[in-house]
Amino acid sequence: MQIADLDTATPEQLAPILHAGLKRLGQLGREAAIALAALVEDDDADFDEAATWVEEVAAGALPG
């Protein structure tokens, strides 16, 4: 998948890519978190919404 395809990606197409990216972010640690933080704007409601859902998944609060 190309970055240009993200706007039209379905949840089933996007989830494995996000999963792989988050795992790699975890492997790279703080340096990767800082790189991500540099991309996020303070008033980015879409990012905040996504982060909330990722937090729910990480807590095991969503059924699989």
PDB file of N, CA and C in Angstrom:
ATOM      1  N   MET A   1       0.847  -1.174   0.000  1.00  0.00           N
ATOM      2  CA  MET A   1       0.000   0.000   0.000  1.00  0.00           C
ATOM      3  C   MET A   1       0.893   1.237   0.000  1.00  0.00           C
ATOM      4  N   GLN A   2       0.482   2.206  -0.767  1.00  0.00           N
ATOM      5  CA  GLN A   2       1.184   3.476  -0.848  1.00  0.00           C
ATOM      6  C   GLN A   2       0.551   4.478   0.122  1.00  0.00           C
ATOM      7  N   ILE A   3       1.305   5.447   0.564  1.00  0.00           N
ATOM      8  CA  ILE A   3       0.778   6.470   1.470  1.00  0.00           C
ATOM      9  C   ILE A   3      -0.429   7.154   0.841  1.00  0.00           C
ATOM     10  N   ALA A   4      -0.410   7.352  -0.457  1.00  0.00           N
ATOM     11  CA  ALA A   4      -1.536   7.994  -1.141  1.00  0.00           C
ATOM     12  C   ALA A   4      -2.831   7.186  -1.000  1.00  0.00           C
ATOM     13  N   ASP A   5      -2.720   5.887  -0.741  1.00  0.00           N
ATOM     14  CA  ASP A   5      -3.888   5.021  -0.612  1.00  0.00           C
ATOM     15  C   ASP A   5      -4.530   5.069   0.770  1.00  0.00           C
ATOM     16  N   LEU A   6      -3.888   5.702   1.735  1.00  0.00           N
ATOM     17  CA  LEU A   6      -4.397   5.704   3.105  1.00  0.00           C
ATOM     18  C   LEU A   6      -5.776   6.352   3.226  1.00  0.00           C
ATOM     19  N   ASP A   7      -6.028   7.381   2.437  1.00  0.00           N
ATOM     20  CA  ASP A   7      -7.314   8.078   2.528  1.00  0.00           C
ATOM     21  C   ASP A   7      -8.495   7.197   2.138  1.00  0.00           C
ATOM     22  N   THR A   8      -8.254   6.176   1.340  1.00  0.00           N
ATOM     23  CA  THR A   8      -9.344   5.304   0.896  1.00  0.00           C
ATOM     24  C   THR A   8      -9.233   3.888   1.458  1.00  0.00           C
ATOM     25  N   ALA A   9      -8.254   3.647   2.315  1.00  0.00           N
ATOM     26  CA  ALA A   9      -8.042   2.306   2.870  1.00  0.00           C
ATOM     27  C   ALA A   9      -9.201   1.908   3.778  1.00  0.00           C
ATOM     28  N   THR A  10      -9.576   0.651   3.704  1.00  0.00           N
ATOM     29  CA  THR A  10     -10.580   0.109   4.601  1.00  0.00           C
ATOM     30  C   THR A  10      -9.915  -0.253   5.931  1.00  0.00           C
ATOM     31  N   PRO A  11     -10.704  -0.445   6.980  1.00  0.00           N
ATOM     32  CA  PRO A  11     -10.105  -0.873   8.247  1.00  0.00           C
ATOM     33  C   PRO A  11      -9.281  -2.158   8.106  1.00  0.00           C
ATOM     34  N   GLU A  12      -9.759  -3.085   7.282  1.00  0.00           N
ATOM     35  CA  GLU A  12      -9.052  -4.354   7.101  1.00  0.00           C
ATOM     36  C   GLU A  12      -7.719  -4.157   6.383  1.00  0.00           C
ATOM     37  N   GLN A  13      -7.634  -3.156   5.514  1.00  0.00           N
ATOM     38  CA  GLN A  13      -6.376  -2.864   4.827  1.00  0.00           C
ATOM     39  C   GLN A  13      -5.421  -2.078   5.721  1.00  0.00           C
ATOM     40  N   LEU A  14      -5.965  -1.185   6.505  1.00  0.00           N
ATOM     41  CA  LEU A  14      -5.141  -0.287   7.310  1.00  0.00           C
ATOM     42  C   LEU A  14      -4.613  -0.936   8.589  1.00  0.00           C
ATOM     43  N   ALA A  15      -5.412  -1.776   9.225  1.00  0.00           N
ATOM     44  CA  ALA A  15      -5.038  -2.343  10.525  1.00  0.00           C
ATOM     45  C   ALA A  15      -3.692  -3.070  10.519  1.00  0.00           C
ATOM     46  N   PRO A  16      -3.400  -3.935   9.544  1.00  0.00           N
ATOM     47  CA  PRO A  16      -2.093  -4.619   9.595  1.00  0.00           C
ATOM     48  C   PRO A  16      -0.913  -3.667   9.438  1.00  0.00           C
ATOM     49  N   ILE A  17      -1.111  -2.593   8.678  1.00  0.00           N
ATOM     50  CA  ILE A  17      -0.037  -1.626   8.493  1.00  0.00           C
ATOM     51  C   ILE A  17       0.186  -0.844   9.781  1.00  0.00           C
ATOM     52  N   LEU A  18      -0.901  -0.419  10.406  1.00  0.00           N
ATOM     53  CA  LEU A  18      -0.793   0.291  11.680  1.00  0.00           C
ATOM     54  C   LEU A  18      -0.168  -0.607  12.738  1.00  0.00           C
ATOM     55  N   HIS A  19      -0.587  -1.842  12.787  1.00  0.00           N
ATOM     56  CA  HIS A  19      -0.047  -2.799  13.759  1.00  0.00           C
ATOM     57  C   HIS A  19       1.465  -2.940  13.591  1.00  0.00           C
ATOM     58  N   ALA A  20       1.907  -3.124  12.353  1.00  0.00           N
ATOM     59  CA  ALA A  20       3.346  -3.263  12.097  1.00  0.00           C
ATOM     60  C   ALA A  20       4.091  -1.980  12.467  1.00  0.00           C
ATOM     61  N   GLY A  21       3.516  -0.838  12.142  1.00  0.00           N
ATOM     62  CA  GLY A  21       4.156   0.437  12.470  1.00  0.00           C
ATOM     63  C   GLY A  21       4.260   0.654  13.968  1.00  0.00           C
ATOM     64  N   LEU A  22       3.193   0.318  14.696  1.00  0.00           N
ATOM     65  CA  LEU A  22       3.217   0.491  16.149  1.00  0.00           C
ATOM     66  C   LEU A  22       4.219  -0.457  16.804  1.00  0.00           C
ATOM     67  N   LYS A  23       4.291  -1.688  16.302  1.00  0.00           N
ATOM     68  CA  LYS A  23       5.272  -2.633  16.852  1.00  0.00           C
ATOM     69  C   LYS A  23       6.688  -2.113  16.636  1.00  0.00           C
ATOM     70  N   ARG A  24       6.944  -1.584  15.429  1.00  0.00           N
ATOM     71  CA  ARG A  24       8.281  -1.059  15.141  1.00  0.00           C
ATOM     72  C   ARG A  24       8.575   0.163  15.995  1.00  0.00           C
ATOM     73  N   LEU A  25       7.567   1.021  16.181  1.00  0.00           N
ATOM     74  CA  LEU A  25       7.714   2.178  17.060  1.00  0.00           C
ATOM     75  C   LEU A  25       8.109   1.713  18.461  1.00  0.00           C
ATOM     76  N   GLY A  26       7.471   0.660  18.941  1.00  0.00           N
ATOM     77  CA  GLY A  26       7.805   0.116  20.256  1.00  0.00           C
ATOM     78  C   GLY A  26       9.222  -0.408  20.321  1.00  0.00           C
ATOM     79  N   GLN A  27       9.676  -1.029  19.248  1.00  0.00           N
ATOM     80  CA  GLN A  27      11.042  -1.545  19.201  1.00  0.00           C
ATOM     81  C   GLN A  27      12.068  -0.413  19.217  1.00  0.00           C
ATOM     82  N   LEU A  28      11.739   0.680  18.556  1.00  0.00           N
ATOM     83  CA  LEU A  28      12.685   1.791  18.454  1.00  0.00           C
ATOM     84  C   LEU A  28      12.636   2.716  19.664  1.00  0.00           C
ATOM     85  N   GLY A  29      11.552   2.650  20.422  1.00  0.00           N
ATOM     86  CA  GLY A  29      11.472   3.357  21.686  1.00  0.00           C
ATOM     87  C   GLY A  29      11.346   4.865  21.597  1.00  0.00           C
ATOM     88  N   ARG A  30      11.980   5.523  22.547  1.00  0.00           N
ATOM     89  CA  ARG A  30      11.829   6.970  22.720  1.00  0.00           C
ATOM     90  C   ARG A  30      12.171   7.761  21.471  1.00  0.00           C
ATOM     91  N   GLU A  31      13.216   7.377  20.780  1.00  0.00           N
ATOM     92  CA  GLU A  31      13.622   8.099  19.565  1.00  0.00           C
ATOM     93  C   GLU A  31      12.486   8.113  18.539  1.00  0.00           C
ATOM     94  N   ALA A  32      11.831   6.989  18.377  1.00  0.00           N
ATOM     95  CA  ALA A  32      10.713   6.914  17.437  1.00  0.00           C
ATOM     96  C   ALA A  32       9.514   7.702  17.949  1.00  0.00           C
ATOM     97  N   ALA A  33       9.285   7.673  19.251  1.00  0.00           N
ATOM     98  CA  ALA A  33       8.181   8.440  19.827  1.00  0.00           C
ATOM     99  C   ALA A  33       8.393   9.934  19.615  1.00  0.00           C
ATOM    100  N   ILE A  34       9.620  10.375  19.729  1.00  0.00           N
ATOM    101  CA  ILE A  34       9.940  11.784  19.497  1.00  0.00           C
ATOM    102  C   ILE A  34       9.700  12.143  18.033  1.00  0.00           C
ATOM    103  N   ALA A  35      10.078  11.256  17.119  1.00  0.00           N
ATOM    104  CA  ALA A  35       9.842  11.499  15.695  1.00  0.00           C
ATOM    105  C   ALA A  35       8.346  11.583  15.403  1.00  0.00           C
ATOM    106  N   LEU A  36       7.554  10.729  16.036  1.00  0.00           N
ATOM    107  CA  LEU A  36       6.103  10.781  15.869  1.00  0.00           C
ATOM    108  C   LEU A  36       5.540  12.068  16.456  1.00  0.00           C
ATOM    109  N   ALA A  37       5.986  12.429  17.626  1.00  0.00           N
ATOM    110  CA  ALA A  37       5.501  13.645  18.284  1.00  0.00           C
ATOM    111  C   ALA A  37       5.765  14.883  17.437  1.00  0.00           C
ATOM    112  N   ALA A  38       6.852  14.875  16.687  1.00  0.00           N
ATOM    113  CA  ALA A  38       7.173  16.012  15.830  1.00  0.00           C
ATOM    114  C   ALA A  38       6.153  16.182  14.706  1.00  0.00           C
ATOM    115  N   LEU A  39       5.435  15.119  14.368  1.00  0.00           N
ATOM    116  CA  LEU A  39       4.439  15.170  13.294  1.00  0.00           C
ATOM    117  C   LEU A  39       3.046  15.559  13.782  1.00  0.00           C
ATOM    118  N   VAL A  40       2.812  15.386  15.071  1.00  0.00           N
ATOM    119  CA  VAL A  40       1.470  15.580  15.623  1.00  0.00           C
ATOM    120  C   VAL A  40       1.285  17.024  16.063  1.00  0.00           C
ATOM    121  N   GLU A  41       0.197  17.628  15.581  1.00  0.00           N
ATOM    122  CA  GLU A  41      -0.131  18.992  15.982  1.00  0.00           C
ATOM    123  C   GLU A  41      -1.019  18.956  17.221  1.00  0.00           C
ATOM    124  N   ASP A  42      -0.943  20.004  18.031  1.00  0.00           N
ATOM    125  CA  ASP A  42      -1.687  20.055  19.290  1.00  0.00           C
ATOM    126  C   ASP A  42      -3.190  19.907  19.108  1.00  0.00           C
ATOM    127  N   ASP A  43      -3.728  20.423  18.023  1.00  0.00           N
ATOM    128  CA  ASP A  43      -5.175  20.415  17.827  1.00  0.00           C
ATOM    129  C   ASP A  43      -5.626  19.367  16.806  1.00  0.00           C
ATOM    130  N   ASP A  44      -4.902  18.275  16.697  1.00  0.00           N
ATOM    131  CA  ASP A  44      -5.215  17.228  15.721  1.00  0.00           C
ATOM    132  C   ASP A  44      -6.238  16.262  16.303  1.00  0.00           C
ATOM    133  N   ALA A  45      -7.508  16.571  16.086  1.00  0.00           N
ATOM    134  CA  ALA A  45      -8.596  15.773  16.655  1.00  0.00           C
ATOM    135  C   ALA A  45      -8.598  14.344  16.113  1.00  0.00           C
ATOM    136  N   ASP A  46      -8.252  14.161  14.845  1.00  0.00           N
ATOM    137  CA  ASP A  46      -8.220  12.817  14.274  1.00  0.00           C
ATOM    138  C   ASP A  46      -7.154  11.960  14.943  1.00  0.00           C
ATOM    139  N   PHE A  47      -5.984  12.546  15.181  1.00  0.00           N
ATOM    140  CA  PHE A  47      -4.924  11.800  15.868  1.00  0.00           C
ATOM    141  C   PHE A  47      -5.357  11.448  17.292  1.00  0.00           C
ATOM    142  N   ASP A  48      -5.946  12.416  17.980  1.00  0.00           N
ATOM    143  CA  ASP A  48      -6.410  12.167  19.350  1.00  0.00           C
ATOM    144  C   ASP A  48      -7.441  11.046  19.394  1.00  0.00           C
ATOM    145  N   GLU A  49      -8.355  11.040  18.438  1.00  0.00           N
ATOM    146  CA  GLU A  49      -9.369   9.980  18.357  1.00  0.00           C
ATOM    147  C   GLU A  49      -8.703   8.628  18.131  1.00  0.00           C
ATOM    148  N   ALA A  50      -7.765   8.587  17.183  1.00  0.00           N
ATOM    149  CA  ALA A  50      -7.067   7.332  16.890  1.00  0.00           C
ATOM    150  C   ALA A  50      -6.276   6.847  18.097  1.00  0.00           C
ATOM    151  N   ALA A  51      -5.607   7.761  18.784  1.00  0.00           N
ATOM    152  CA  ALA A  51      -4.817   7.387  19.962  1.00  0.00           C
ATOM    153  C   ALA A  51      -5.711   6.795  21.050  1.00  0.00           C
ATOM    154  N   THR A  52      -6.913   7.334  21.173  1.00  0.00           N
ATOM    155  CA  THR A  52      -7.858   6.797  22.152  1.00  0.00           C
ATOM    156  C   THR A  52      -8.229   5.357  21.814  1.00  0.00           C
ATOM    157  N   TRP A  53      -8.478   5.101  20.535  1.00  0.00           N
ATOM    158  CA  TRP A  53      -8.830   3.738  20.130  1.00  0.00           C
ATOM    159  C   TRP A  53      -7.648   2.784  20.303  1.00  0.00           C
ATOM    160  N   VAL A  54      -6.447   3.229  19.993  1.00  0.00           N
ATOM    161  CA  VAL A  54      -5.266   2.386  20.183  1.00  0.00           C
ATOM    162  C   VAL A  54      -5.094   2.074  21.668  1.00  0.00           C
ATOM    163  N   GLU A  55      -5.341   3.066  22.519  1.00  0.00           N
ATOM    164  CA  GLU A  55      -5.269   2.842  23.969  1.00  0.00           C
ATOM    165  C   GLU A  55      -6.286   1.791  24.410  1.00  0.00           C
ATOM    166  N   GLU A  56      -7.495   1.844  23.851  1.00  0.00           N
ATOM    167  CA  GLU A  56      -8.525   0.845  24.171  1.00  0.00           C
ATOM    168  C   GLU A  56      -8.052  -0.557  23.772  1.00  0.00           C
ATOM    169  N   VAL A  57      -7.483  -0.656  22.585  1.00  0.00           N
ATOM    170  CA  VAL A  57      -6.990  -1.953  22.111  1.00  0.00           C
ATOM    171  C   VAL A  57      -5.874  -2.452  23.017  1.00  0.00           C
ATOM    172  N   ALA A  58      -4.931  -1.567  23.372  1.00  0.00           N
ATOM    173  CA  ALA A  58      -3.805  -1.957  24.216  1.00  0.00           C
ATOM    174  C   ALA A  58      -4.267  -2.416  25.602  1.00  0.00           C
ATOM    175  N   ALA A  59      -5.362  -1.855  26.077  1.00  0.00           N
ATOM    176  CA  ALA A  59      -5.895  -2.235  27.381  1.00  0.00           C
ATOM    177  C   ALA A  59      -6.749  -3.493  27.321  1.00  0.00           C
ATOM    178  N   GLY A  60      -6.965  -3.993  26.113  1.00  0.00           N
ATOM    179  CA  GLY A  60      -7.791  -5.199  25.955  1.00  0.00           C
ATOM    180  C   GLY A  60      -9.265  -4.909  26.124  1.00  0.00           C
ATOM    181  N   ALA A  61      -9.661  -3.650  25.944  1.00  0.00           N
ATOM    182  CA  ALA A  61     -11.036  -3.255  26.192  1.00  0.00           C
ATOM    183  C   ALA A  61     -11.961  -3.476  24.995  1.00  0.00           C
ATOM    184  N   LEU A  62     -11.410  -3.792  23.835  1.00  0.00           N
ATOM    185  CA  LEU A  62     -12.243  -4.059  22.664  1.00  0.00           C
ATOM    186  C   LEU A  62     -12.239  -5.552  22.367  1.00  0.00           C
ATOM    187  N   PRO A  63     -13.399  -6.064  22.023  1.00  0.00           N
ATOM    188  CA  PRO A  63     -13.425  -7.504  21.679  1.00  0.00           C
ATOM    189  C   PRO A  63     -12.643  -7.770  20.400  1.00  0.00           C
ATOM    190  N   GLY A  64     -12.027  -8.923  20.324  1.00  0.00           N
ATOM    191  CA  GLY A  64     -11.209  -9.265  19.162  1.00  0.00           C
ATOM    192  C   GLY A  64     -11.956  -9.875  18.051  1.00  0.00           C
TER     193      GLY A  64
END
